[in-house]
C-alpha atoms as a PDB file:
ATOM      1  CA  MET A   1      -0.887  -5.808  -3.347  1.00  0.00           C
ATOM      2  CA  GLN A   2      -2.001  -3.187  -0.817  1.00  0.00           C
ATOM      3  CA  LEU A   3       1.253  -3.435   1.152  1.00  0.00           C
ATOM      4  CA  LYS A   4       3.310  -3.187  -2.032  1.00  0.00           C
ATOM      5  CA  TRP A   5       1.347  -0.071  -3.037  1.00  0.00           C
ATOM      6  CA  GLU A   6       1.880   1.498   0.404  1.00  0.00           C
ATOM      7  CA  ALA A   7       5.597   0.642   0.363  1.00  0.00           C
ATOM      8  CA  GLU A   8       6.001   2.359  -3.001  1.00  0.00           C
ATOM      9  CA  VAL A   9       4.266   5.492  -1.693  1.00  0.00           C
ATOM     10  CA  VAL A  10       6.445   5.549   1.446  1.00  0.00           C
ATOM     11  CA  GLU A  11       9.579   5.110  -0.692  1.00  0.00           C
ATOM     12  CA  TYR A  12       8.498   8.058  -2.869  1.00  0.00           C
ATOM     13  CA  VAL A  13       7.886  10.279   0.173  1.00  0.00           C
ATOM     14  CA  ASP A  14      11.211   9.290   1.766  1.00  0.00           C
ATOM     15  CA  THR A  15      13.018  10.052  -1.489  1.00  0.00           C
ATOM     16  CA  ILE A  16      11.554  13.526  -2.014  1.00  0.00           C
ATOM     17  CA  HIS A  17      11.992  14.334   1.671  1.00  0.00           C
ATOM     18  CA  GLY A  18      15.645  13.262   1.508  1.00  0.00           C
ATOM     19  CA  MET A  19      16.194  15.524  -1.496  1.00  0.00           C
ATOM     20  CA  THR A  20      14.805  18.595   0.279  1.00  0.00           C
ATOM     21  CA  LYS A  21      15.764  18.201   3.949  1.00  0.00           C
ATOM     22  CA  ILE A  22      18.514  20.103   5.662  1.00  0.00           C
ATOM     23  CA  HIS A  23      21.255  17.925   7.109  1.00  0.00           C
ATOM     24  CA  GLY A  24      21.342  17.827  10.927  1.00  0.00           C
ATOM     25  CA  ASN A  25      24.923  19.180  11.036  1.00  0.00           C
ATOM     26  CA  ALA A  26      24.179  22.114   8.727  1.00  0.00           C
ATOM     27  CA  LYS A  27      24.478  25.690   9.909  1.00  0.00           C
ATOM     28  CA  ALA A  28      21.391  27.325  11.445  1.00  0.00           C
ATOM     29  CA  ASN A  29      20.454  29.597   8.522  1.00  0.00           C
ATOM     30  CA  THR A  30      20.888  27.051   5.719  1.00  0.00           C
ATOM     31  CA  VAL A  31      18.191  26.994   3.036  1.00  0.00           C
ATOM     32  CA  ALA A  32      16.697  23.637   2.066  1.00  0.00           C
ATOM     33  CA  ALA A  33      17.349  22.375  -1.459  1.00  0.00           C
ATOM     34  CA  SER A  34      14.560  22.535  -4.029  1.00  0.00           C
ATOM     35  CA  LEU A  35      13.248  19.569  -5.968  1.00  0.00           C
ATOM     36  CA  ARG A  36      14.318  19.265  -9.578  1.00  0.00           C
ATOM     37  CA  ILE A  37      11.692  20.365 -12.073  1.00  0.00           C
ATOM     38  CA  ASN A  38      11.256  16.832 -13.492  1.00  0.00           C
ATOM     39  CA  ILE A  39      10.226  15.333 -10.126  1.00  0.00           C
ATOM     40  CA  PRO A  40       6.466  15.659  -9.523  1.00  0.00           C
ATOM     41  CA  ILE A  41       5.124  16.574  -6.107  1.00  0.00           C
ATOM     42  CA  ILE A  42       2.293  14.168  -5.418  1.00  0.00           C
ATOM     43  CA  GLY A  43       0.447  13.804  -2.137  1.00  0.00           C
ATOM     44  CA  PRO A  44      -0.290  13.767   0.765  1.00  0.00           C
ATOM     45  CA  PHE A  45      -3.353  11.887  -0.536  1.00  0.00           C
ATOM     46  CA  PHE A  46      -2.362   9.048  -2.857  1.00  0.00           C
ATOM     47  CA  GLU A  47      -4.864   7.252  -5.046  1.00  0.00           C
ATOM     48  CA  PRO A  48      -3.781   3.908  -6.494  1.00  0.00           C
ATOM     49  CA  PRO A  49      -3.243   3.739 -10.237  1.00  0.00           C
ATOM     50  CA  GLY A  50      -6.349   2.738 -12.133  1.00  0.00           C
ATOM     51  CA  TYR A  51      -6.954   0.972 -15.402  1.00  0.00           C
ATOM     52  CA  LEU A  52      -6.438   4.215 -17.339  1.00  0.00           C
ATOM     53  CA  HIS A  53      -2.868   4.475 -15.985  1.00  0.00           C
ATOM     54  CA  LEU A  54      -2.129   0.918 -17.091  1.00  0.00           C
ATOM     55  CA  GLN A  55      -3.708   1.463 -20.487  1.00  0.00           C
ATOM     56  CA  LYS A  56      -1.805   4.686 -21.215  1.00  0.00           C
ATOM     57  CA  ARG A  57       1.578   3.323 -20.104  1.00  0.00           C
ATOM     58  CA  ASN A  58       1.463   0.010 -21.964  1.00  0.00           C
ATOM     59  CA  ALA A  59      -0.013  -0.896 -25.342  1.00  0.00           C
ATOM     60  CA  THR A  60      -1.040  -4.348 -24.061  1.00  0.00           C
ATOM     61  CA  PRO A  61      -1.598  -3.877 -20.332  1.00  0.00           C
ATOM     62  CA  SER A  62      -1.717  -6.796 -17.936  1.00  0.00           C
ATOM     63  CA  ILE A  63      -4.839  -5.945 -15.953  1.00  0.00           C
ATOM     64  CA  GLU A  64      -5.196  -7.800 -12.670  1.00  0.00           C
ATOM     65  CA  PRO A  65      -8.533  -7.693 -10.817  1.00  0.00           C
ATOM     66  CA  GLY A  66      -6.746  -7.241  -7.482  1.00  0.00           C
ATOM     67  CA  SER A  67      -5.546  -3.763  -8.471  1.00  0.00           C
ATOM     68  CA  SER A  68      -9.130  -2.487  -8.392  1.00  0.00           C
ATOM     69  CA  TYR A  69      -9.306  -3.287  -4.667  1.00  0.00           C
ATOM     70  CA  LEU A  70      -6.361  -1.101  -3.680  1.00  0.00           C
ATOM     71  CA  LEU A  71      -7.294   1.589  -1.165  1.00  0.00           C
ATOM     72  CA  PRO A  72      -6.040   5.177  -1.287  1.00  0.00           C
ATOM     73  CA  ILE A  73      -3.755   6.288   1.533  1.00  0.00           C
ATOM     74  CA  THR A  74      -2.936   9.600   3.190  1.00  0.00           C
ATOM     75  CA  ILE A  75       0.625  10.184   4.365  1.00  0.00           C
ATOM     76  CA  ILE A  76       1.261  12.275   7.463  1.00  0.00           C
ATOM     77  CA  HIS A  77       4.844  13.459   7.005  1.00  0.00           C
ATOM     78  CA  PRO A  78       6.749  16.713   7.688  1.00  0.00           C
ATOM     79  CA  PHE A  79       7.301  17.142   3.937  1.00  0.00           C
ATOM     80  CA  PHE A  80       3.577  17.759   3.476  1.00  0.00           C
ATOM     81  CA  HIS A  81       2.795  19.161   6.952  1.00  0.00           C
ATOM     82  CA  PRO A  82       5.641  21.434   8.127  1.00  0.00           C
ATOM     83  CA  GLY A  83       3.783  22.152  11.390  1.00  0.00           C
ATOM     84  CA  LEU A  84       4.664  18.666  12.608  1.00  0.00           C
ATOM     85  CA  GLU A  85       8.297  19.654  13.100  1.00  0.00           C
ATOM     86  CA  SER A  86       7.590  21.193  16.495  1.00  0.00           C
ATOM     87  CA  CYS A  87       5.891  19.946  19.627  1.00  0.00           C
ATOM     88  CA  PRO A  88       2.335  21.323  19.941  1.00  0.00           C
ATOM     89  CA  ALA A  89       2.537  21.415  23.737  1.00  0.00           C
ATOM     90  CA  CYS A  90       5.834  23.222  24.356  1.00  0.00           C
ATOM     91  CA  GLY A  91       6.852  24.422  20.874  1.00  0.00           C
ATOM     92  CA  SER A  92      10.211  22.610  21.019  1.00  0.00           C
ATOM     93  CA  GLN A  93      11.980  22.045  17.700  1.00  0.00           C
ATOM     94  CA  ASN A  94      13.841  19.082  19.215  1.00  0.00           C
ATOM     95  CA  THR A  95      11.763  16.362  17.552  1.00  0.00           C
ATOM     96  CA  TYR A  96      12.981  13.005  16.292  1.00  0.00           C
ATOM     97  CA  TRP A  97      11.413  10.979  13.474  1.00  0.00           C
ATOM     98  CA  ASP A  98      13.502   7.843  13.770  1.00  0.00           C
ATOM     99  CA  GLY A  99      11.832   5.941  16.579  1.00  0.00           C
ATOM    100  CA  TRP A 100       8.976   5.388  18.967  1.00  0.00           C
ATOM    101  CA  THR A 101       8.233   6.842  22.365  1.00  0.00           C
ATOM    102  CA  PRO A 102       6.574   5.000  25.236  1.00  0.00           C
ATOM    103  CA  THR A 103       5.201   8.279  26.603  1.00  0.00           C
ATOM    104  CA  GLY A 104       3.749  11.420  25.107  1.00  0.00           C
ATOM    105  CA  PRO A 105       0.960  12.220  22.638  1.00  0.00           C
ATOM    106  CA  ARG A 106      -0.697   9.289  20.946  1.00  0.00           C
ATOM    107  CA  GLU A 107      -2.628  11.324  18.378  1.00  0.00           C
ATOM    108  CA  VAL A 108      -1.592  13.065  15.193  1.00  0.00           C
ATOM    109  CA  HIS A 109      -1.171  16.743  15.977  1.00  0.00           C
ATOM    110  CA  GLY A 110      -0.866  19.681  13.633  1.00  0.00           C
ATOM    111  CA  VAL A 111      -3.057  18.208  10.895  1.00  0.00           C
END
């Protein structure tokens, strides 16, 4: 249940980030798109839904005891922390988010 909860949070963050990011081939002075008014901005700290959420969304909720053991998570992502888009050591904007590096900083910087 914890992994399913975390996957749903990551999917939400990827979706809202995709809606607001500037495409890599866009011109230099392009403005990022805004989120639609009906999409809530939640995070970077996500608390799992509790019994009240289940009760208010369903007249006869199916309450599982395992849902009370879900842990909250904090997402470190450029959507919530824009300072992560540049290297703290050299200030380079040439950062990539689609892979791993065998060298370089091993700690979360900018937060």
